[in-house]
Amino acid sequence: CLGSAAVASGKIYFSETFGDGWESRWTTSKWKESEGTAGKWVSTAGKWFSDEAEDKGIQTGEDSKFFGISAGFDSFSNAGKELIVQYQAKYEKDVECGGGYMKLGPKMDDATTFGDPTAYNIMFGPDKCGYTKRTHLIFNYKGKNVLKKSDLSYKQEGEGTSHLYRLIVKPDNTVRVEIDEEKIYEGSLK
């Protein structure tokens, strides 16, 4: 019997579990502080968890506020290689208007100014405002936003369920978007 096994390997450019010391690795935005509408981040496993210590993450600690947080990492190029961006989000209650998306972008001179607008290369993840619910997939190329024209599924319905968001950018300029390991889109951006 002949068999073969392949081992996938790659370089990890950034990884975060929000364990001890996470505050020293992240910079909280002061973008809305002067208006009094900046929210506070808290470290918690939330209402629903399996192992409180292992399941900790960061959570928005106040309703109807603006939130921004960023962390730096070394510059990299994915030329000729797949780039995989993945993170987990859990909404513990229904939100009227808010997003759990991430922005991947160039190094900022002052990370405390992270907010809207902030330059980014990729914006990806869930967003909801009123009846508009979608998973964002926007690339910024030479100062112009290139977004997926049709809406991608929004999977944050129901309280307390974690969802795994994965974006795979391929060398042929196509993408694959998965939520909870289920493909919701594969193809070009248009």
N, C-alpha and C. Protein backbone atom coordinates (compact mmCIF):
# COMPACT_ATOMS: atom_id res chain seq x y z
N CYS A 1 0.85 -1.17 0.00
CA CYS A 1 0.00 0.00 0.00
C CYS A 1 0.90 1.24 0.00
N LEU A 2 0.69 2.08 -0.95
CA LEU A 2 1.44 3.32 -1.02
C LEU A 2 0.56 4.47 -0.58
N GLY A 3 1.12 5.36 0.09
CA GLY A 3 0.39 6.55 0.53
C GLY A 3 1.31 7.74 0.57
N SER A 4 0.74 8.88 0.58
CA SER A 4 1.55 10.08 0.71
C SER A 4 0.84 11.07 1.60
N ALA A 5 1.61 11.88 2.20
CA ALA A 5 1.05 12.92 3.06
C ALA A 5 1.76 14.22 2.75
N ALA A 6 1.02 15.25 2.73
CA ALA A 6 1.61 16.57 2.50
C ALA A 6 1.43 17.41 3.76
N VAL A 7 2.43 18.15 4.08
CA VAL A 7 2.34 19.03 5.23
C VAL A 7 2.28 20.47 4.72
N ALA A 8 1.25 21.16 5.12
CA ALA A 8 1.13 22.57 4.74
C ALA A 8 1.96 23.39 5.72
N SER A 9 2.68 24.31 5.18
CA SER A 9 3.44 25.18 6.06
C SER A 9 3.39 26.60 5.52
N GLY A 10 3.64 27.51 6.37
CA GLY A 10 3.63 28.90 5.96
C GLY A 10 4.19 29.75 7.08
N LYS A 11 4.42 30.98 6.76
CA LYS A 11 4.93 31.91 7.75
C LYS A 11 3.77 32.64 8.40
N ILE A 12 3.78 32.72 9.70
CA ILE A 12 2.75 33.46 10.44
C ILE A 12 3.31 34.87 10.68
N TYR A 13 2.62 35.86 10.14
CA TYR A 13 3.07 37.24 10.27
C TYR A 13 2.52 37.90 11.54
N PHE A 14 1.37 37.43 11.99
CA PHE A 14 0.76 38.01 13.18
C PHE A 14 -0.19 36.98 13.78
N SER A 15 -0.14 36.84 15.10
CA SER A 15 -1.05 35.95 15.80
C SER A 15 -1.31 36.55 17.18
N GLU A 16 -2.55 36.45 17.64
CA GLU A 16 -2.91 37.00 18.95
C GLU A 16 -3.98 36.14 19.59
N THR A 17 -3.77 35.79 20.86
CA THR A 17 -4.77 35.04 21.62
C THR A 17 -5.41 35.88 22.72
N PHE A 18 -4.94 37.10 22.90
CA PHE A 18 -5.42 38.02 23.93
C PHE A 18 -5.23 37.46 25.33
N GLY A 19 -4.12 36.77 25.52
CA GLY A 19 -3.75 36.29 26.84
C GLY A 19 -3.10 37.41 27.65
N ASP A 20 -2.44 37.03 28.72
CA ASP A 20 -1.79 38.01 29.60
C ASP A 20 -0.91 38.97 28.80
N GLY A 21 -1.00 40.24 29.13
CA GLY A 21 -0.16 41.25 28.51
C GLY A 21 -0.66 41.77 27.18
N TRP A 22 -1.87 41.41 26.78
CA TRP A 22 -2.37 41.84 25.47
C TRP A 22 -2.39 43.37 25.36
N GLU A 23 -2.63 44.06 26.47
CA GLU A 23 -2.71 45.52 26.44
C GLU A 23 -1.40 46.16 25.98
N SER A 24 -0.28 45.50 26.25
CA SER A 24 1.01 46.06 25.84
C SER A 24 1.27 45.84 24.35
N ARG A 25 0.55 44.92 23.72
CA ARG A 25 0.73 44.63 22.30
C ARG A 25 -0.25 45.40 21.42
N TRP A 26 -1.24 46.00 22.00
CA TRP A 26 -2.31 46.69 21.26
C TRP A 26 -2.38 48.16 21.68
N THR A 27 -2.81 49.01 20.76
CA THR A 27 -2.98 50.43 21.05
C THR A 27 -4.46 50.77 20.87
N THR A 28 -5.06 51.29 21.92
CA THR A 28 -6.46 51.70 21.86
C THR A 28 -6.56 53.05 21.15
N SER A 29 -7.52 53.15 20.27
CA SER A 29 -7.72 54.39 19.52
C SER A 29 -8.28 55.48 20.43
N LYS A 30 -7.84 56.70 20.19
CA LYS A 30 -8.38 57.87 20.88
C LYS A 30 -9.23 58.70 19.92
N TRP A 31 -9.56 58.10 18.78
CA TRP A 31 -10.26 58.75 17.68
C TRP A 31 -11.52 59.49 18.11
N LYS A 32 -12.32 58.96 19.01
CA LYS A 32 -13.58 59.59 19.41
C LYS A 32 -13.58 60.07 20.86
N GLU A 33 -12.40 60.06 21.50
CA GLU A 33 -12.30 60.46 22.91
C GLU A 33 -12.79 61.88 23.16
N SER A 34 -12.39 62.84 22.33
CA SER A 34 -12.73 64.24 22.56
C SER A 34 -14.24 64.49 22.45
N GLU A 35 -14.95 63.61 21.73
CA GLU A 35 -16.40 63.73 21.61
C GLU A 35 -17.14 62.99 22.72
N GLY A 36 -16.40 62.23 23.52
CA GLY A 36 -17.02 61.46 24.59
C GLY A 36 -17.74 60.21 24.10
N THR A 37 -17.44 59.76 22.88
CA THR A 37 -18.14 58.60 22.33
C THR A 37 -17.23 57.39 22.12
N ALA A 38 -16.01 57.45 22.68
CA ALA A 38 -15.09 56.32 22.57
C ALA A 38 -15.44 55.28 23.63
N GLY A 39 -15.57 54.04 23.19
CA GLY A 39 -15.88 52.96 24.12
C GLY A 39 -14.62 52.33 24.69
N LYS A 40 -14.80 51.54 25.74
CA LYS A 40 -13.70 50.86 26.42
C LYS A 40 -13.70 49.37 26.06
N TRP A 41 -12.51 48.83 25.87
CA TRP A 41 -12.32 47.41 25.63
C TRP A 41 -12.13 46.69 26.95
N VAL A 42 -12.66 45.48 27.07
CA VAL A 42 -12.47 44.66 28.26
C VAL A 42 -12.00 43.27 27.85
N SER A 43 -11.22 42.66 28.70
CA SER A 43 -10.76 41.29 28.49
C SER A 43 -11.72 40.36 29.24
N THR A 44 -12.34 39.45 28.51
CA THR A 44 -13.33 38.56 29.12
C THR A 44 -13.56 37.33 28.23
N ALA A 45 -14.06 36.28 28.83
CA ALA A 45 -14.50 35.11 28.05
C ALA A 45 -15.95 35.31 27.62
N GLY A 46 -16.60 36.32 28.16
CA GLY A 46 -17.99 36.58 27.81
C GLY A 46 -18.95 35.75 28.64
N LYS A 47 -20.21 35.78 28.23
CA LYS A 47 -21.25 35.06 28.96
C LYS A 47 -21.17 33.55 28.75
N TRP A 48 -20.81 33.15 27.52
CA TRP A 48 -20.79 31.73 27.16
C TRP A 48 -19.38 31.32 26.81
N PHE A 49 -18.89 30.28 27.51
CA PHE A 49 -17.53 29.80 27.25
C PHE A 49 -17.42 28.37 27.74
N SER A 50 -16.39 27.70 27.25
CA SER A 50 -16.09 26.34 27.69
C SER A 50 -15.06 26.38 28.81
N ASP A 51 -13.95 27.11 28.57
CA ASP A 51 -12.89 27.26 29.55
C ASP A 51 -12.62 28.76 29.68
N GLU A 52 -12.95 29.35 30.81
CA GLU A 52 -12.88 30.80 30.96
C GLU A 52 -11.50 31.37 30.64
N ALA A 53 -10.45 30.72 31.11
CA ALA A 53 -9.10 31.24 30.85
C ALA A 53 -8.72 31.10 29.38
N GLU A 54 -9.01 29.95 28.79
CA GLU A 54 -8.64 29.69 27.39
C GLU A 54 -9.50 30.48 26.40
N ASP A 55 -10.73 30.79 26.76
CA ASP A 55 -11.67 31.42 25.82
C ASP A 55 -11.71 32.94 25.93
N LYS A 56 -10.78 33.52 26.68
CA LYS A 56 -10.77 34.99 26.81
C LYS A 56 -10.43 35.65 25.49
N GLY A 57 -11.02 36.79 25.30
CA GLY A 57 -10.75 37.64 24.16
C GLY A 57 -10.99 39.07 24.61
N ILE A 58 -11.07 39.99 23.65
CA ILE A 58 -11.45 41.35 24.02
C ILE A 58 -12.86 41.60 23.54
N GLN A 59 -13.53 42.45 24.27
CA GLN A 59 -14.95 42.71 24.02
C GLN A 59 -15.21 44.21 24.16
N THR A 60 -16.14 44.70 23.37
CA THR A 60 -16.57 46.08 23.55
C THR A 60 -17.37 46.13 24.84
N GLY A 61 -16.99 47.04 25.73
CA GLY A 61 -17.56 47.05 27.07
C GLY A 61 -18.74 47.98 27.26
N GLU A 62 -19.11 48.74 26.23
CA GLU A 62 -20.20 49.70 26.36
C GLU A 62 -21.03 49.71 25.08
N ASP A 63 -22.31 49.99 25.21
CA ASP A 63 -23.18 50.09 24.04
C ASP A 63 -23.13 51.49 23.44
N SER A 64 -23.45 51.58 22.17
CA SER A 64 -23.61 52.85 21.46
C SER A 64 -22.36 53.74 21.54
N LYS A 65 -21.20 53.13 21.36
CA LYS A 65 -19.93 53.84 21.38
C LYS A 65 -19.14 53.47 20.12
N PHE A 66 -18.04 54.17 19.90
CA PHE A 66 -17.13 53.86 18.81
C PHE A 66 -15.92 53.16 19.38
N PHE A 67 -15.43 52.14 18.67
CA PHE A 67 -14.31 51.34 19.15
C PHE A 67 -13.26 51.20 18.05
N GLY A 68 -12.03 51.27 18.46
CA GLY A 68 -10.92 51.04 17.56
C GLY A 68 -9.72 50.58 18.34
N ILE A 69 -9.02 49.61 17.81
CA ILE A 69 -7.82 49.09 18.47
C ILE A 69 -6.93 48.54 17.38
N SER A 70 -5.62 48.70 17.56
CA SER A 70 -4.71 48.23 16.51
C SER A 70 -3.44 47.65 17.12
N ALA A 71 -2.79 46.83 16.32
CA ALA A 71 -1.51 46.25 16.71
C ALA A 71 -0.62 46.24 15.47
N GLY A 72 0.64 46.50 15.67
CA GLY A 72 1.58 46.52 14.56
C GLY A 72 2.24 45.17 14.33
N PHE A 73 2.78 45.01 13.14
CA PHE A 73 3.55 43.82 12.79
C PHE A 73 4.50 44.21 11.67
N ASP A 74 5.49 43.36 11.43
CA ASP A 74 6.48 43.64 10.39
C ASP A 74 5.84 43.62 9.02
N SER A 75 6.34 44.46 8.12
CA SER A 75 5.87 44.46 6.74
C SER A 75 6.16 43.12 6.09
N PHE A 76 5.34 42.74 5.11
CA PHE A 76 5.54 41.48 4.41
C PHE A 76 4.99 41.60 3.00
N SER A 77 5.34 40.66 2.17
CA SER A 77 4.79 40.57 0.82
C SER A 77 4.25 39.16 0.63
N ASN A 78 3.09 39.06 0.03
CA ASN A 78 2.54 37.74 -0.28
C ASN A 78 2.65 37.47 -1.79
N ALA A 79 3.52 38.19 -2.47
CA ALA A 79 3.70 37.99 -3.91
C ALA A 79 3.98 36.52 -4.20
N GLY A 80 3.17 35.93 -5.09
CA GLY A 80 3.34 34.54 -5.48
C GLY A 80 2.88 33.53 -4.45
N LYS A 81 2.28 33.99 -3.36
CA LYS A 81 1.85 33.09 -2.29
C LYS A 81 0.42 33.44 -1.86
N GLU A 82 -0.26 32.49 -1.26
CA GLU A 82 -1.56 32.78 -0.66
C GLU A 82 -1.36 33.56 0.62
N LEU A 83 -2.28 34.47 0.87
CA LEU A 83 -2.33 35.19 2.14
C LEU A 83 -3.62 34.77 2.83
N ILE A 84 -3.51 34.28 4.05
CA ILE A 84 -4.69 33.86 4.81
C ILE A 84 -4.84 34.80 5.99
N VAL A 85 -6.02 35.42 6.08
CA VAL A 85 -6.37 36.29 7.20
C VAL A 85 -7.53 35.62 7.91
N GLN A 86 -7.39 35.39 9.21
CA GLN A 86 -8.41 34.65 9.93
C GLN A 86 -8.58 35.21 11.33
N TYR A 87 -9.83 35.30 11.78
CA TYR A 87 -10.09 35.71 13.15
C TYR A 87 -11.46 35.21 13.57
N GLN A 88 -11.72 35.28 14.86
CA GLN A 88 -12.96 34.79 15.44
C GLN A 88 -13.72 35.95 16.07
N ALA A 89 -15.04 35.97 15.87
CA ALA A 89 -15.88 37.02 16.46
C ALA A 89 -17.11 36.38 17.08
N LYS A 90 -17.54 36.95 18.20
CA LYS A 90 -18.74 36.47 18.88
C LYS A 90 -19.55 37.68 19.33
N TYR A 91 -20.78 37.78 18.86
CA TYR A 91 -21.68 38.84 19.32
C TYR A 91 -22.52 38.23 20.43
N GLU A 92 -22.51 38.87 21.60
CA GLU A 92 -23.26 38.32 22.72
C GLU A 92 -24.68 38.86 22.80
N LYS A 93 -24.95 39.86 21.98
CA LYS A 93 -26.32 40.35 21.87
C LYS A 93 -26.47 40.97 20.49
N ASP A 94 -27.70 41.07 20.05
CA ASP A 94 -27.96 41.65 18.74
C ASP A 94 -27.58 43.13 18.77
N VAL A 95 -26.95 43.59 17.72
CA VAL A 95 -26.59 44.99 17.62
C VAL A 95 -27.45 45.66 16.57
N GLU A 96 -27.85 46.89 16.82
CA GLU A 96 -28.62 47.65 15.83
C GLU A 96 -27.71 48.13 14.71
N CYS A 97 -26.53 48.62 15.11
CA CYS A 97 -25.59 49.13 14.12
C CYS A 97 -24.18 48.93 14.66
N GLY A 98 -23.38 48.17 13.94
CA GLY A 98 -22.01 47.96 14.37
C GLY A 98 -21.31 46.91 13.54
N GLY A 99 -20.01 46.94 13.59
CA GLY A 99 -19.22 46.01 12.80
C GLY A 99 -18.20 45.28 13.64
N GLY A 100 -17.91 44.07 13.25
CA GLY A 100 -16.86 43.27 13.86
C GLY A 100 -15.78 42.98 12.84
N TYR A 101 -15.59 43.92 11.92
CA TYR A 101 -14.62 43.70 10.85
C TYR A 101 -13.23 44.17 11.26
N MET A 102 -12.24 43.68 10.50
CA MET A 102 -10.86 44.08 10.75
C MET A 102 -10.32 44.80 9.51
N LYS A 103 -9.35 45.64 9.78
CA LYS A 103 -8.65 46.33 8.70
C LYS A 103 -7.18 45.93 8.77
N LEU A 104 -6.64 45.55 7.65
CA LEU A 104 -5.24 45.20 7.53
C LEU A 104 -4.61 46.27 6.66
N GLY A 105 -3.62 46.97 7.19
CA GLY A 105 -3.09 48.09 6.43
C GLY A 105 -1.66 48.43 6.74
N PRO A 106 -1.22 49.54 6.18
CA PRO A 106 0.18 49.96 6.37
C PRO A 106 0.42 50.44 7.80
N LYS A 107 1.68 50.49 8.15
CA LYS A 107 2.07 50.98 9.48
C LYS A 107 1.57 52.42 9.65
N MET A 108 1.05 52.70 10.81
CA MET A 108 0.55 54.04 11.12
C MET A 108 1.61 54.81 11.90
N ASP A 109 1.71 56.11 11.63
CA ASP A 109 2.63 56.94 12.40
C ASP A 109 2.18 57.08 13.85
N ASP A 110 0.85 57.16 14.06
CA ASP A 110 0.28 57.31 15.40
C ASP A 110 -0.94 56.40 15.51
N ALA A 111 -0.75 55.23 16.12
CA ALA A 111 -1.82 54.23 16.21
C ALA A 111 -3.01 54.71 17.04
N THR A 112 -2.84 55.74 17.86
CA THR A 112 -3.98 56.23 18.66
C THR A 112 -5.01 56.94 17.78
N THR A 113 -4.66 57.26 16.52
CA THR A 113 -5.61 57.92 15.61
C THR A 113 -6.40 56.92 14.78
N PHE A 114 -6.19 55.63 15.00
CA PHE A 114 -6.92 54.61 14.24
C PHE A 114 -8.43 54.82 14.35
N GLY A 115 -9.11 54.87 13.24
CA GLY A 115 -10.56 55.08 13.24
C GLY A 115 -11.06 55.22 11.81
N ASP A 116 -11.92 56.17 11.57
CA ASP A 116 -12.48 56.38 10.24
C ASP A 116 -12.26 57.84 9.86
N PRO A 117 -11.48 58.16 8.87
CA PRO A 117 -10.83 57.21 7.95
C PRO A 117 -9.45 56.79 8.44
N THR A 118 -9.09 55.57 8.18
CA THR A 118 -7.74 55.05 8.38
C THR A 118 -7.38 54.28 7.12
N ALA A 119 -6.20 54.52 6.60
CA ALA A 119 -5.76 53.81 5.40
C ALA A 119 -5.71 52.31 5.69
N TYR A 120 -6.17 51.51 4.73
CA TYR A 120 -6.09 50.06 4.86
C TYR A 120 -5.91 49.45 3.48
N ASN A 121 -5.43 48.20 3.48
CA ASN A 121 -5.32 47.43 2.25
C ASN A 121 -6.50 46.47 2.11
N ILE A 122 -6.93 45.90 3.24
CA ILE A 122 -8.05 44.96 3.26
C ILE A 122 -8.95 45.30 4.43
N MET A 123 -10.26 45.32 4.17
CA MET A 123 -11.27 45.41 5.24
C MET A 123 -12.16 44.19 5.06
N PHE A 124 -12.32 43.43 6.15
CA PHE A 124 -13.00 42.14 6.04
C PHE A 124 -13.71 41.81 7.35
N GLY A 125 -14.97 41.39 7.24
CA GLY A 125 -15.71 40.91 8.39
C GLY A 125 -17.13 41.40 8.45
N PRO A 126 -17.87 41.01 9.50
CA PRO A 126 -19.30 41.29 9.59
C PRO A 126 -19.60 42.75 9.91
N ASP A 127 -20.72 43.22 9.36
CA ASP A 127 -21.18 44.59 9.60
C ASP A 127 -22.70 44.60 9.49
N LYS A 128 -23.33 45.35 10.38
CA LYS A 128 -24.78 45.44 10.37
C LYS A 128 -25.19 46.86 10.74
N CYS A 129 -26.14 47.41 10.01
CA CYS A 129 -26.76 48.66 10.39
C CYS A 129 -28.21 48.59 9.94
N GLY A 130 -29.12 48.51 10.91
CA GLY A 130 -30.53 48.35 10.59
C GLY A 130 -30.76 47.01 9.88
N TYR A 131 -31.40 47.09 8.71
CA TYR A 131 -31.69 45.87 7.97
C TYR A 131 -30.56 45.47 7.03
N THR A 132 -29.53 46.29 6.92
CA THR A 132 -28.39 45.97 6.06
C THR A 132 -27.41 45.11 6.85
N LYS A 133 -27.25 43.87 6.40
CA LYS A 133 -26.36 42.92 7.07
C LYS A 133 -25.48 42.29 6.00
N ARG A 134 -24.17 42.31 6.23
CA ARG A 134 -23.26 41.72 5.24
C ARG A 134 -21.91 41.44 5.87
N THR A 135 -21.14 40.66 5.14
CA THR A 135 -19.74 40.47 5.48
C THR A 135 -18.95 41.31 4.49
N HIS A 136 -18.22 42.30 4.99
CA HIS A 136 -17.44 43.18 4.12
C HIS A 136 -16.26 42.44 3.51
N LEU A 137 -15.98 42.78 2.26
CA LEU A 137 -14.74 42.38 1.61
C LEU A 137 -14.36 43.53 0.70
N ILE A 138 -13.44 44.36 1.19
CA ILE A 138 -13.02 45.55 0.46
C ILE A 138 -11.50 45.58 0.42
N PHE A 139 -10.97 45.79 -0.77
CA PHE A 139 -9.54 45.99 -0.94
C PHE A 139 -9.32 47.44 -1.32
N ASN A 140 -8.23 48.01 -0.86
CA ASN A 140 -7.89 49.37 -1.27
C ASN A 140 -6.65 49.26 -2.14
N TYR A 141 -6.77 49.74 -3.37
CA TYR A 141 -5.68 49.66 -4.33
C TYR A 141 -5.42 51.03 -4.90
N LYS A 142 -4.21 51.55 -4.65
CA LYS A 142 -3.81 52.88 -5.12
C LYS A 142 -4.81 53.96 -4.71
N GLY A 143 -5.29 53.87 -3.46
CA GLY A 143 -6.18 54.89 -2.92
C GLY A 143 -7.64 54.72 -3.27
N LYS A 144 -8.00 53.68 -4.00
CA LYS A 144 -9.41 53.46 -4.37
C LYS A 144 -9.92 52.16 -3.76
N ASN A 145 -11.14 52.22 -3.23
CA ASN A 145 -11.75 51.02 -2.67
C ASN A 145 -12.29 50.14 -3.79
N VAL A 146 -11.91 48.88 -3.74
CA VAL A 146 -12.40 47.88 -4.68
C VAL A 146 -13.18 46.88 -3.83
N LEU A 147 -14.50 46.91 -3.94
CA LEU A 147 -15.28 46.06 -3.07
C LEU A 147 -16.04 45.01 -3.83
N LYS A 148 -16.32 43.93 -3.13
CA LYS A 148 -17.14 42.86 -3.68
C LYS A 148 -18.51 43.45 -3.93
N LYS A 149 -18.96 43.42 -5.19
CA LYS A 149 -20.20 44.11 -5.57
C LYS A 149 -21.45 43.49 -4.96
N SER A 150 -21.53 42.17 -4.89
CA SER A 150 -22.69 41.55 -4.26
C SER A 150 -22.39 41.28 -2.79
N ASP A 151 -23.40 41.41 -1.96
CA ASP A 151 -23.20 41.22 -0.53
C ASP A 151 -22.86 39.77 -0.21
N LEU A 152 -21.95 39.60 0.73
CA LEU A 152 -21.61 38.28 1.23
C LEU A 152 -22.44 38.02 2.48
N SER A 153 -22.76 36.76 2.71
CA SER A 153 -23.63 36.37 3.82
C SER A 153 -23.18 36.94 5.15
N TYR A 154 -24.15 37.26 5.98
CA TYR A 154 -23.94 37.73 7.35
C TYR A 154 -24.30 36.57 8.26
N LYS A 155 -23.37 36.12 9.07
CA LYS A 155 -23.60 34.91 9.88
C LYS A 155 -23.61 35.19 11.38
N GLN A 156 -23.77 36.44 11.79
CA GLN A 156 -23.72 36.77 13.21
C GLN A 156 -25.09 36.71 13.88
N GLU A 157 -26.06 36.08 13.25
CA GLU A 157 -27.38 35.96 13.87
C GLU A 157 -27.27 35.06 15.10
N GLY A 158 -28.11 35.29 16.08
CA GLY A 158 -28.09 34.47 17.29
C GLY A 158 -27.04 34.98 18.26
N GLU A 159 -27.33 34.89 19.51
CA GLU A 159 -26.43 35.42 20.53
C GLU A 159 -25.47 34.36 21.03
N GLY A 160 -24.23 34.78 21.22
CA GLY A 160 -23.27 33.95 21.93
C GLY A 160 -22.55 32.90 21.13
N THR A 161 -22.72 32.87 19.82
CA THR A 161 -22.03 31.88 19.01
C THR A 161 -20.81 32.50 18.36
N SER A 162 -19.67 31.88 18.55
CA SER A 162 -18.44 32.34 17.90
C SER A 162 -18.45 31.92 16.44
N HIS A 163 -17.93 32.80 15.59
CA HIS A 163 -17.82 32.49 14.17
C HIS A 163 -16.39 32.73 13.74
N LEU A 164 -15.87 31.83 12.92
CA LEU A 164 -14.52 31.91 12.41
C LEU A 164 -14.57 32.50 11.00
N TYR A 165 -13.94 33.65 10.81
CA TYR A 165 -13.88 34.34 9.52
C TYR A 165 -12.51 34.09 8.90
N ARG A 166 -12.51 33.62 7.64
CA ARG A 166 -11.25 33.35 6.95
C ARG A 166 -11.31 33.92 5.54
N LEU A 167 -10.28 34.68 5.20
CA LEU A 167 -10.12 35.24 3.86
C LEU A 167 -8.82 34.69 3.29
N ILE A 168 -8.90 34.12 2.10
CA ILE A 168 -7.72 33.61 1.42
C ILE A 168 -7.55 34.42 0.14
N VAL A 169 -6.45 35.15 0.06
CA VAL A 169 -6.13 35.93 -1.14
C VAL A 169 -5.11 35.09 -1.91
N LYS A 170 -5.46 34.76 -3.16
CA LYS A 170 -4.62 33.86 -3.95
C LYS A 170 -3.72 34.65 -4.90
N PRO A 171 -2.60 34.04 -5.31
CA PRO A 171 -1.66 34.74 -6.20
C PRO A 171 -2.26 35.16 -7.54
N ASP A 172 -3.36 34.51 -7.98
CA ASP A 172 -3.99 34.88 -9.25
C ASP A 172 -5.03 35.99 -9.08
N ASN A 173 -4.98 36.68 -7.94
CA ASN A 173 -5.89 37.80 -7.63
C ASN A 173 -7.35 37.37 -7.49
N THR A 174 -7.56 36.13 -7.06
CA THR A 174 -8.89 35.70 -6.68
C THR A 174 -8.90 35.52 -5.16
N VAL A 175 -10.08 35.38 -4.61
CA VAL A 175 -10.23 35.24 -3.16
C VAL A 175 -11.18 34.10 -2.83
N ARG A 176 -11.06 33.63 -1.63
CA ARG A 176 -12.02 32.68 -1.07
C ARG A 176 -12.38 33.22 0.31
N VAL A 177 -13.66 33.30 0.60
CA VAL A 177 -14.15 33.74 1.90
C VAL A 177 -14.88 32.57 2.54
N GLU A 178 -14.51 32.28 3.78
CA GLU A 178 -15.17 31.22 4.54
C GLU A 178 -15.64 31.78 5.87
N ILE A 179 -16.79 31.30 6.30
CA ILE A 179 -17.27 31.56 7.66
C ILE A 179 -17.57 30.21 8.26
N ASP A 180 -16.95 29.92 9.39
CA ASP A 180 -17.08 28.63 10.06
C ASP A 180 -16.70 27.49 9.12
N GLU A 181 -15.65 27.70 8.35
CA GLU A 181 -15.11 26.74 7.39
C GLU A 181 -16.05 26.41 6.24
N GLU A 182 -17.11 27.18 6.08
CA GLU A 182 -18.04 27.03 4.96
C GLU A 182 -17.74 28.12 3.93
N LYS A 183 -17.51 27.72 2.69
CA LYS A 183 -17.23 28.70 1.64
C LYS A 183 -18.48 29.51 1.37
N ILE A 184 -18.35 30.86 1.48
CA ILE A 184 -19.47 31.71 1.12
C ILE A 184 -19.21 32.46 -0.18
N TYR A 185 -17.93 32.49 -0.59
CA TYR A 185 -17.61 33.11 -1.87
C TYR A 185 -16.23 32.64 -2.32
N GLU A 186 -16.10 32.43 -3.64
CA GLU A 186 -14.80 32.18 -4.24
C GLU A 186 -14.82 32.75 -5.64
N GLY A 187 -13.83 33.53 -5.97
CA GLY A 187 -13.75 34.11 -7.30
C GLY A 187 -13.07 35.46 -7.26
N SER A 188 -13.38 36.27 -8.27
CA SER A 188 -12.78 37.60 -8.33
C SER A 188 -13.53 38.54 -7.40
N LEU A 189 -13.01 39.74 -7.27
CA LEU A 189 -13.65 40.72 -6.41
C LEU A 189 -14.91 41.31 -7.01
N LYS A 190 -15.05 41.26 -8.29
CA LYS A 190 -16.16 41.94 -8.95
C LYS A 190 -17.45 41.18 -8.95
